[in-house]
Amino acid sequence: MARIIAVALPKGGVGKTTTAVNLAASLAVAEQRTLLIDMDSFGASGLSLGFTEGKIRTGLFEVFNFITGLPSAIHRTELAFLDFVPSNVQSLQAEERLMRLAENRSILKNALRGAAQQYDYVILDCPPVLRGLSTNALTAADSVLVPVKSGHFSLDAVDKLMKYVDWMREVANKSLEIEGILLTMHEPNTRVTDITMRELQAKHHKHMLQTIIPKNTVLGEASFYGKPAILYDVNSRGSAAYLALAREIIARQALRKAQALASSRQFGQQG
């Protein structure tokens, strides 16, 4: 069964789509069967993978409208271990309809029931708002990966997300975890970066990931060519950072499984 990770923060410009796309690609390179789902009606994940309008058959819009099941919306990518579900929202009317449908927060969870068994990881690229499609993602997810760019507004957004996760645990998904807080577009030795890191360490130390994503022009360039960074320039610092993030997440998942196995064995012995 896949580990479902929502990439979310109620703020734009922090690297959510860049993280979702490049993490998914890096997991695939590590031969982890990965499904990336674009939960943002803007469709940036699709563009970052080269899925222009003419290359999309069907997508999340049709799934939420119960026109098709999730397996029929899955598209193959250049990477053997990476599949993709685009949002496929082509008009303002379609976007408004999708927003209304997404008020039913269980649609994605139900749609993923069968499909998730075919993957090791499902990555959900969320919009920068905590309602509708993001709520669907957090209802379906096992955990939330929180990309944070240094700055005061990002810190406020993290606090807002943490409160929302607490609420989600109460009303829809009691097992929802924080996968980790990921520093993105990192510029060392600046006052803003130092303040941001100090505040995050003080408030959310246990959630901080070891991997840090540097500010790297290749990550932006790659999206123009419709490729994850690892297929555009595997030797770039950005590619190396997301490969390191994939390794860290894989290691954390392996540790969880080992702990769960040890716990079940201990319970069996006591029984």
C-alpha atoms as a PDB file:
ATOM      1  CA  MET A   1       0.000   0.000   0.000  1.00  0.00           C
ATOM      2  CA  ALA A   2       1.365   3.421  -0.953  1.00  0.00           C
ATOM      3  CA  ARG A   3       2.404   6.100   1.487  1.00  0.00           C
ATOM      4  CA  ILE A   4       0.325   9.106   0.451  1.00  0.00           C
ATOM      5  CA  ILE A   5       2.105  12.436   0.947  1.00  0.00           C
ATOM      6  CA  ALA A   6       0.375  15.795   0.443  1.00  0.00           C
ATOM      7  CA  VAL A   7       2.720  18.671  -0.400  1.00  0.00           C
ATOM      8  CA  ALA A   8       0.917  21.615   1.155  1.00  0.00           C
ATOM      9  CA  LEU A   9       1.237  25.131   2.560  1.00  0.00           C
ATOM     10  CA  PRO A  10      -1.335  27.950   2.373  1.00  0.00           C
ATOM     11  CA  LYS A  11       1.071  30.289   0.571  1.00  0.00           C
ATOM     12  CA  GLY A  12       2.207  30.561  -3.017  1.00  0.00           C
ATOM     13  CA  GLY A  13       5.790  30.820  -4.196  1.00  0.00           C
ATOM     14  CA  VAL A  14       7.352  28.427  -1.690  1.00  0.00           C
ATOM     15  CA  GLY A  15       8.146  25.589  -4.102  1.00  0.00           C
ATOM     16  CA  LYS A  16       5.198  23.235  -3.631  1.00  0.00           C
ATOM     17  CA  THR A  17       4.931  22.171  -7.275  1.00  0.00           C
ATOM     18  CA  THR A  18       8.718  22.117  -7.731  1.00  0.00           C
ATOM     19  CA  THR A  19       8.952  19.880  -4.674  1.00  0.00           C
ATOM     20  CA  ALA A  20       6.069  17.603  -5.663  1.00  0.00           C
ATOM     21  CA  VAL A  21       7.371  17.080  -9.204  1.00  0.00           C
ATOM     22  CA  ASN A  22      11.030  16.650  -8.336  1.00  0.00           C
ATOM     23  CA  LEU A  23      10.416  14.503  -5.268  1.00  0.00           C
ATOM     24  CA  ALA A  24       8.137  12.233  -7.311  1.00  0.00           C
ATOM     25  CA  ALA A  25      10.753  12.006 -10.088  1.00  0.00           C
ATOM     26  CA  SER A  26      13.524  11.283  -7.589  1.00  0.00           C
ATOM     27  CA  LEU A  27      11.493   8.535  -5.916  1.00  0.00           C
ATOM     28  CA  ALA A  28      10.911   7.052  -9.372  1.00  0.00           C
ATOM     29  CA  VAL A  29      14.640   7.150 -10.144  1.00  0.00           C
ATOM     30  CA  ALA A  30      15.120   5.201  -6.908  1.00  0.00           C
ATOM     31  CA  GLU A  31      12.739   2.605  -8.447  1.00  0.00           C
ATOM     32  CA  GLN A  32       9.901   3.409  -6.084  1.00  0.00           C
ATOM     33  CA  ARG A  33       6.567   3.064  -7.895  1.00  0.00           C
ATOM     34  CA  THR A  34       5.249   6.616  -7.669  1.00  0.00           C
ATOM     35  CA  LEU A  35       2.028   8.365  -8.640  1.00  0.00           C
ATOM     36  CA  LEU A  36       1.929  12.177  -8.778  1.00  0.00           C
ATOM     37  CA  ILE A  37      -1.524  13.788  -8.659  1.00  0.00           C
ATOM     38  CA  ASP A  38      -2.012  17.446  -9.570  1.00  0.00           C
ATOM     39  CA  MET A  39      -4.549  18.791  -7.054  1.00  0.00           C
ATOM     40  CA  ASP A  40      -4.150  22.380  -8.267  1.00  0.00           C
ATOM     41  CA  SER A  41      -6.565  23.493 -10.991  1.00  0.00           C
ATOM     42  CA  PHE A  42      -3.816  25.681 -12.471  1.00  0.00           C
ATOM     43  CA  GLY A  43      -2.113  22.488 -13.671  1.00  0.00           C
ATOM     44  CA  ALA A  44       1.502  23.465 -12.981  1.00  0.00           C
ATOM     45  CA  SER A  45       2.608  19.898 -12.228  1.00  0.00           C
ATOM     46  CA  GLY A  46       1.416  18.808 -15.648  1.00  0.00           C
ATOM     47  CA  LEU A  47       3.279  21.606 -17.398  1.00  0.00           C
ATOM     48  CA  SER A  48       6.410  20.740 -15.408  1.00  0.00           C
ATOM     49  CA  LEU A  49       6.206  17.210 -16.808  1.00  0.00           C
ATOM     50  CA  GLY A  50       5.467  18.305 -20.377  1.00  0.00           C
ATOM     51  CA  PHE A  51       1.714  17.590 -20.299  1.00  0.00           C
ATOM     52  CA  THR A  52       0.248  20.357 -22.415  1.00  0.00           C
ATOM     53  CA  GLU A  53      -3.505  20.404 -23.094  1.00  0.00           C
ATOM     54  CA  GLY A  54      -3.261  18.228 -26.204  1.00  0.00           C
ATOM     55  CA  LYS A  55      -1.423  15.467 -24.349  1.00  0.00           C
ATOM     56  CA  ILE A  56      -4.040  15.069 -21.602  1.00  0.00           C
ATOM     57  CA  ARG A  57      -6.823  12.516 -22.115  1.00  0.00           C
ATOM     58  CA  THR A  58      -8.652  12.867 -18.835  1.00  0.00           C
ATOM     59  CA  GLY A  59      -7.798  13.872 -15.295  1.00  0.00           C
ATOM     60  CA  LEU A  60      -8.849  14.827 -11.789  1.00  0.00           C
ATOM     61  CA  PHE A  61     -11.783  16.871 -13.100  1.00  0.00           C
ATOM     62  CA  GLU A  62     -13.375  13.740 -14.584  1.00  0.00           C
ATOM     63  CA  VAL A  63     -12.612  11.714 -11.444  1.00  0.00           C
ATOM     64  CA  PHE A  64     -14.345  14.266  -9.202  1.00  0.00           C
ATOM     65  CA  ASN A  65     -17.297  14.379 -11.599  1.00  0.00           C
ATOM     66  CA  PHE A  66     -17.544  10.557 -11.434  1.00  0.00           C
ATOM     67  CA  ILE A  67     -17.101  10.383 -15.214  1.00  0.00           C
ATOM     68  CA  THR A  68     -14.175   8.012 -14.866  1.00  0.00           C
ATOM     69  CA  GLY A  69     -12.244   6.189 -12.156  1.00  0.00           C
ATOM     70  CA  LEU A  70      -8.761   7.234 -11.115  1.00  0.00           C
ATOM     71  CA  PRO A  71      -6.981   4.415 -13.025  1.00  0.00           C
ATOM     72  CA  SER A  72      -8.373   5.781 -16.309  1.00  0.00           C
ATOM     73  CA  ALA A  73      -6.889   9.222 -15.538  1.00  0.00           C
ATOM     74  CA  ILE A  74      -3.339   7.922 -15.048  1.00  0.00           C
ATOM     75  CA  HIS A  75      -0.773   9.013 -17.650  1.00  0.00           C
ATOM     76  CA  ARG A  76       2.668   7.502 -18.170  1.00  0.00           C
ATOM     77  CA  THR A  77       5.718   9.766 -17.997  1.00  0.00           C
ATOM     78  CA  GLU A  78       9.282   9.618 -19.294  1.00  0.00           C
ATOM     79  CA  LEU A  79      10.313   7.827 -16.110  1.00  0.00           C
ATOM     80  CA  ALA A  80       9.420   4.143 -15.915  1.00  0.00           C
ATOM     81  CA  PHE A  81       8.429   4.284 -12.242  1.00  0.00           C
ATOM     82  CA  LEU A  82       6.488   7.566 -12.380  1.00  0.00           C
ATOM     83  CA  ASP A  83       2.816   7.940 -13.329  1.00  0.00           C
ATOM     84  CA  PHE A  84       0.797  11.134 -13.314  1.00  0.00           C
ATOM     85  CA  VAL A  85      -2.803  12.314 -12.947  1.00  0.00           C
ATOM     86  CA  PRO A  86      -3.314  15.850 -14.335  1.00  0.00           C
ATOM     87  CA  SER A  87      -5.959  18.217 -13.028  1.00  0.00           C
ATOM     88  CA  ASN A  88      -7.354  18.762 -16.573  1.00  0.00           C
ATOM     89  CA  VAL A  89      -9.242  21.957 -15.790  1.00  0.00           C
ATOM     90  CA  GLN A  90      -9.609  23.825 -19.077  1.00  0.00           C
ATOM     91  CA  SER A  91     -12.046  26.639 -18.280  1.00  0.00           C
ATOM     92  CA  LEU A  92     -13.206  28.927 -15.488  1.00  0.00           C
ATOM     93  CA  GLN A  93     -16.542  27.109 -15.426  1.00  0.00           C
ATOM     94  CA  ALA A  94     -14.779  23.769 -14.991  1.00  0.00           C
ATOM     95  CA  GLU A  95     -12.658  25.222 -12.188  1.00  0.00           C
ATOM     96  CA  GLU A  96     -15.711  26.523 -10.366  1.00  0.00           C
ATOM     97  CA  ARG A  97     -17.441  23.160 -10.708  1.00  0.00           C
ATOM     98  CA  LEU A  98     -14.369  21.315  -9.400  1.00  0.00           C
ATOM     99  CA  MET A  99     -14.226  23.638  -6.390  1.00  0.00           C
ATOM    100  CA  ARG A 100     -17.873  22.875  -5.586  1.00  0.00           C
ATOM    101  CA  LEU A 101     -17.374  19.136  -5.961  1.00  0.00           C
ATOM    102  CA  ALA A 102     -14.279  19.230  -3.761  1.00  0.00           C
ATOM    103  CA  GLU A 103     -16.389  20.347  -0.807  1.00  0.00           C
ATOM    104  CA  ASN A 104     -17.051  16.606  -0.448  1.00  0.00           C
ATOM    105  CA  ARG A 105     -13.712  15.965   1.231  1.00  0.00           C
ATOM    106  CA  SER A 106     -13.792  12.175   0.786  1.00  0.00           C
ATOM    107  CA  ILE A 107     -13.834  11.985  -3.029  1.00  0.00           C
ATOM    108  CA  LEU A 108     -10.078  11.598  -3.466  1.00  0.00           C
ATOM    109  CA  LYS A 109      -9.762   9.172  -0.557  1.00  0.00           C
ATOM    110  CA  ASN A 110     -12.396   6.930  -2.097  1.00  0.00           C
ATOM    111  CA  ALA A 111     -10.901   7.239  -5.582  1.00  0.00           C
ATOM    112  CA  LEU A 112      -7.455   6.198  -4.315  1.00  0.00           C
ATOM    113  CA  ARG A 113      -8.606   3.053  -2.512  1.00  0.00           C
ATOM    114  CA  GLY A 114      -7.766   0.642  -5.303  1.00  0.00           C
ATOM    115  CA  ALA A 115      -5.145   2.627  -7.192  1.00  0.00           C
ATOM    116  CA  ALA A 116      -2.873   3.251  -4.196  1.00  0.00           C
ATOM    117  CA  GLN A 117      -2.193  -0.468  -3.879  1.00  0.00           C
ATOM    118  CA  GLN A 118      -0.217  -0.346  -7.130  1.00  0.00           C
ATOM    119  CA  TYR A 119       2.323   2.189  -5.830  1.00  0.00           C
ATOM    120  CA  ASP A 120       4.929   2.742  -3.141  1.00  0.00           C
ATOM    121  CA  TYR A 121       4.269   6.497  -2.969  1.00  0.00           C
ATOM    122  CA  VAL A 122       1.471   8.839  -4.007  1.00  0.00           C
ATOM    123  CA  ILE A 123       2.444  12.524  -4.059  1.00  0.00           C
ATOM    124  CA  LEU A 124      -0.339  15.149  -3.984  1.00  0.00           C
ATOM    125  CA  ASP A 125       0.538  18.632  -5.259  1.00  0.00           C
ATOM    126  CA  CYS A 126      -1.874  20.933  -3.402  1.00  0.00           C
ATOM    127  CA  PRO A 127      -3.028  24.483  -4.203  1.00  0.00           C
ATOM    128  CA  PRO A 128      -2.030  27.337  -1.849  1.00  0.00           C
ATOM    129  CA  VAL A 129      -5.358  27.328   0.009  1.00  0.00           C
ATOM    130  CA  LEU A 130      -6.615  25.133   2.854  1.00  0.00           C
ATOM    131  CA  ARG A 131     -10.049  24.187   1.564  1.00  0.00           C
ATOM    132  CA  GLY A 132     -11.636  22.163  -1.181  1.00  0.00           C
ATOM    133  CA  LEU A 133      -8.942  20.257  -3.047  1.00  0.00           C
ATOM    134  CA  SER A 134      -6.369  20.659  -0.271  1.00  0.00           C
ATOM    135  CA  THR A 135      -8.868  19.312   2.251  1.00  0.00           C
ATOM    136  CA  ASN A 136      -9.473  16.348  -0.060  1.00  0.00           C
ATOM    137  CA  ALA A 137      -5.728  15.752  -0.190  1.00  0.00           C
ATOM    138  CA  LEU A 138      -5.317  15.955   3.587  1.00  0.00           C
ATOM    139  CA  THR A 139      -8.263  13.593   4.101  1.00  0.00           C
ATOM    140  CA  ALA A 140      -6.632  11.010   1.830  1.00  0.00           C
ATOM    141  CA  ALA A 141      -3.010  11.519   2.927  1.00  0.00           C
ATOM    142  CA  ASP A 142      -0.878   9.681   5.432  1.00  0.00           C
ATOM    143  CA  SER A 143       1.304  12.742   5.912  1.00  0.00           C
ATOM    144  CA  VAL A 144       1.991  16.349   4.913  1.00  0.00           C
ATOM    145  CA  LEU A 145       5.272  17.573   3.470  1.00  0.00           C
ATOM    146  CA  VAL A 146       5.627  21.311   4.154  1.00  0.00           C
ATOM    147  CA  PRO A 147       7.894  23.317   1.808  1.00  0.00           C
ATOM    148  CA  VAL A 148       9.020  26.597   3.370  1.00  0.00           C
ATOM    149  CA  LYS A 149      10.855  29.479   1.736  1.00  0.00           C
ATOM    150  CA  SER A 150      12.573  31.813   4.190  1.00  0.00           C
ATOM    151  CA  GLY A 151      10.392  34.751   5.161  1.00  0.00           C
ATOM    152  CA  HIS A 152       7.898  36.050   7.706  1.00  0.00           C
ATOM    153  CA  PHE A 153       4.803  35.153   5.654  1.00  0.00           C
ATOM    154  CA  SER A 154       5.983  31.560   5.247  1.00  0.00           C
ATOM    155  CA  LEU A 155       6.320  31.208   9.020  1.00  0.00           C
ATOM    156  CA  ASP A 156       2.749  32.456   9.472  1.00  0.00           C
ATOM    157  CA  ALA A 157       1.589  29.961   6.826  1.00  0.00           C
ATOM    158  CA  VAL A 158       3.293  27.085   8.657  1.00  0.00           C
ATOM    159  CA  ASP A 159       1.478  28.004  11.875  1.00  0.00           C
ATOM    160  CA  LYS A 160      -1.819  28.161   9.984  1.00  0.00           C
ATOM    161  CA  LEU A 161      -1.194  24.755   8.390  1.00  0.00           C
ATOM    162  CA  MET A 162      -0.316  23.122  11.710  1.00  0.00           C
ATOM    163  CA  LYS A 163      -3.599  24.326  13.208  1.00  0.00           C
ATOM    164  CA  TYR A 164      -5.470  23.048  10.163  1.00  0.00           C
ATOM    165  CA  VAL A 165      -3.790  19.640  10.443  1.00  0.00           C
ATOM    166  CA  ASP A 166      -4.922  19.450  14.081  1.00  0.00           C
ATOM    167  CA  TRP A 167      -8.478  20.204  12.934  1.00  0.00           C
ATOM    168  CA  MET A 168      -8.248  17.612  10.153  1.00  0.00           C
ATOM    169  CA  ARG A 169      -7.213  14.995  12.708  1.00  0.00           C
ATOM    170  CA  GLU A 170     -10.342  15.756  14.694  1.00  0.00           C
ATOM    171  CA  VAL A 171     -12.861  15.732  11.841  1.00  0.00           C
ATOM    172  CA  ALA A 172     -11.543  13.637   8.951  1.00  0.00           C
ATOM    173  CA  ASN A 173      -8.152  11.921   9.294  1.00  0.00           C
ATOM    174  CA  LYS A 174      -7.031  11.097  12.822  1.00  0.00           C
ATOM    175  CA  SER A 175      -3.814   9.402  11.649  1.00  0.00           C
ATOM    176  CA  LEU A 176      -2.536  12.368   9.566  1.00  0.00           C
ATOM    177  CA  GLU A 177       1.147  13.010  10.268  1.00  0.00           C
ATOM    178  CA  ILE A 178       3.665  15.723   9.446  1.00  0.00           C
ATOM    179  CA  GLU A 179       6.118  14.146   7.014  1.00  0.00           C
ATOM    180  CA  GLY A 180       8.455  17.032   7.604  1.00  0.00           C
ATOM    181  CA  ILE A 181       9.227  20.696   7.056  1.00  0.00           C
ATOM    182  CA  LEU A 182      11.455  21.238   4.026  1.00  0.00           C
ATOM    183  CA  LEU A 183      13.487  24.406   3.521  1.00  0.00           C
ATOM    184  CA  THR A 184      13.319  25.424  -0.143  1.00  0.00           C
ATOM    185  CA  MET A 185      15.034  28.093  -2.279  1.00  0.00           C
ATOM    186  CA  HIS A 186      17.595  28.231   0.505  1.00  0.00           C
ATOM    187  CA  GLU A 187      20.083  31.096   0.500  1.00  0.00           C
ATOM    188  CA  PRO A 188      22.602  30.648   3.333  1.00  0.00           C
ATOM    189  CA  ASN A 189      24.185  33.487   5.285  1.00  0.00           C
ATOM    190  CA  THR A 190      21.317  35.933   4.949  1.00  0.00           C
ATOM    191  CA  ARG A 191      19.479  37.555   7.836  1.00  0.00           C
ATOM    192  CA  VAL A 192      16.049  36.390   6.633  1.00  0.00           C
ATOM    193  CA  THR A 193      17.260  32.782   6.323  1.00  0.00           C
ATOM    194  CA  ASP A 194      18.848  32.863   9.782  1.00  0.00           C
ATOM    195  CA  ILE A 195      15.677  34.242  11.388  1.00  0.00           C
ATOM    196  CA  THR A 196      13.452  31.741   9.573  1.00  0.00           C
ATOM    197  CA  MET A 197      15.591  28.756  10.562  1.00  0.00           C
ATOM    198  CA  ARG A 198      15.795  29.918  14.165  1.00  0.00           C
ATOM    199  CA  GLU A 199      12.004  30.315  14.383  1.00  0.00           C
ATOM    200  CA  LEU A 200      11.331  26.932  12.751  1.00  0.00           C
ATOM    201  CA  GLN A 201      13.809  25.166  15.008  1.00  0.00           C
ATOM    202  CA  ALA A 202      12.255  26.770  18.068  1.00  0.00           C
ATOM    203  CA  LYS A 203       8.659  25.908  17.159  1.00  0.00           C
ATOM    204  CA  HIS A 204       8.864  22.797  14.990  1.00  0.00           C
ATOM    205  CA  HIS A 205      12.236  21.183  15.669  1.00  0.00           C
ATOM    206  CA  LYS A 206      10.899  17.622  15.617  1.00  0.00           C
ATOM    207  CA  HIS A 207       9.450  18.111  12.132  1.00  0.00           C
ATOM    208  CA  MET A 208      12.518  19.597  10.427  1.00  0.00           C
ATOM    209  CA  LEU A 209      13.968  17.479   7.626  1.00  0.00           C
ATOM    210  CA  GLN A 210      17.729  17.164   7.241  1.00  0.00           C
ATOM    211  CA  THR A 211      17.585  17.823   3.495  1.00  0.00           C
ATOM    212  CA  ILE A 212      17.634  21.467   2.377  1.00  0.00           C
ATOM    213  CA  ILE A 213      16.777  22.517  -1.179  1.00  0.00           C
ATOM    214  CA  PRO A 214      19.118  25.278  -2.391  1.00  0.00           C
ATOM    215  CA  LYS A 215      18.132  28.169  -4.597  1.00  0.00           C
ATOM    216  CA  ASN A 216      19.043  26.783  -8.015  1.00  0.00           C
ATOM    217  CA  THR A 217      18.187  28.159 -11.448  1.00  0.00           C
ATOM    218  CA  VAL A 218      18.071  24.677 -12.981  1.00  0.00           C
ATOM    219  CA  LEU A 219      14.891  23.884 -11.041  1.00  0.00           C
ATOM    220  CA  GLY A 220      13.115  26.775 -12.740  1.00  0.00           C
ATOM    221  CA  GLU A 221      14.665  26.147 -16.145  1.00  0.00           C
ATOM    222  CA  ALA A 222      13.632  22.494 -16.175  1.00  0.00           C
ATOM    223  CA  SER A 223       9.943  23.360 -15.874  1.00  0.00           C
ATOM    224  CA  PHE A 224      10.141  25.440 -19.065  1.00  0.00           C
ATOM    225  CA  TYR A 225      11.236  22.313 -20.912  1.00  0.00           C
ATOM    226  CA  GLY A 226       8.542  20.144 -19.322  1.00  0.00           C
ATOM    227  CA  LYS A 227      10.984  17.966 -17.404  1.00  0.00           C
ATOM    228  CA  PRO A 228      11.860  17.278 -13.789  1.00  0.00           C
ATOM    229  CA  ALA A 229      15.317  18.602 -12.948  1.00  0.00           C
ATOM    230  CA  ILE A 230      16.827  15.134 -12.859  1.00  0.00           C
ATOM    231  CA  LEU A 231      16.048  14.660 -16.566  1.00  0.00           C
ATOM    232  CA  TYR A 232      17.151  18.184 -17.461  1.00  0.00           C
ATOM    233  CA  ASP A 233      20.447  18.361 -15.550  1.00  0.00           C
ATOM    234  CA  VAL A 234      21.185  15.430 -13.297  1.00  0.00           C
ATOM    235  CA  ASN A 235      24.415  17.062 -12.069  1.00  0.00           C
ATOM    236  CA  SER A 236      22.747  20.243 -10.795  1.00  0.00           C
ATOM    237  CA  ARG A 237      22.580  21.095  -7.099  1.00  0.00           C
ATOM    238  CA  GLY A 238      18.788  21.080  -7.316  1.00  0.00           C
ATOM    239  CA  SER A 239      18.689  17.543  -8.698  1.00  0.00           C
ATOM    240  CA  ALA A 240      21.119  16.333  -6.036  1.00  0.00           C
ATOM    241  CA  ALA A 241      19.031  17.933  -3.280  1.00  0.00           C
ATOM    242  CA  TYR A 242      15.783  16.282  -4.376  1.00  0.00           C
ATOM    243  CA  LEU A 243      17.522  12.922  -4.717  1.00  0.00           C
ATOM    244  CA  ALA A 244      18.714  13.400  -1.131  1.00  0.00           C
ATOM    245  CA  LEU A 245      15.151  14.241  -0.079  1.00  0.00           C
ATOM    246  CA  ALA A 246      13.863  11.063  -1.725  1.00  0.00           C
ATOM    247  CA  ARG A 247      16.490   9.003   0.101  1.00  0.00           C
ATOM    248  CA  GLU A 248      15.562  10.636   3.414  1.00  0.00           C
ATOM    249  CA  ILE A 249      11.855   9.939   2.925  1.00  0.00           C
ATOM    250  CA  ILE A 250      12.516   6.331   1.855  1.00  0.00           C
ATOM    251  CA  ALA A 251      14.689   5.825   4.943  1.00  0.00           C
ATOM    252  CA  ARG A 252      12.025   7.277   7.211  1.00  0.00           C
ATOM    253  CA  GLN A 253       9.396   5.002   5.700  1.00  0.00           C
ATOM    254  CA  ALA A 254      11.647   1.968   6.149  1.00  0.00           C
ATOM    255  CA  LEU A 255      12.106   2.919   9.806  1.00  0.00           C
ATOM    256  CA  ARG A 256       8.337   3.214  10.285  1.00  0.00           C
ATOM    257  CA  LYS A 257       7.797  -0.229   8.800  1.00  0.00           C
ATOM    258  CA  ALA A 258      10.535  -1.738  10.988  1.00  0.00           C
ATOM    259  CA  GLN A 259       9.043  -0.162  14.106  1.00  0.00           C
ATOM    260  CA  ALA A 260       5.550  -1.353  13.194  1.00  0.00           C
ATOM    261  CA  LEU A 261       6.857  -4.887  12.619  1.00  0.00           C
ATOM    262  CA  ALA A 262       8.719  -4.886  15.936  1.00  0.00           C
ATOM    263  CA  SER A 263       5.622  -3.595  17.706  1.00  0.00           C
ATOM    264  CA  SER A 264       3.397  -6.289  16.188  1.00  0.00           C
ATOM    265  CA  ARG A 265       5.873  -8.999  17.156  1.00  0.00           C
ATOM    266  CA  GLN A 266       6.038  -7.696  20.700  1.00  0.00           C
ATOM    267  CA  PHE A 267       2.236  -7.627  20.876  1.00  0.00           C
ATOM    268  CA  GLY A 268       2.105 -11.191  19.536  1.00  0.00           C
ATOM    269  CA  GLN A 269       4.525 -12.414  22.183  1.00  0.00           C
ATOM    270  CA  GLN A 270       2.523 -10.750  24.931  1.00  0.00           C
ATOM    271  CA  GLY A 271      -0.666 -12.332  23.559  1.00  0.00           C
END
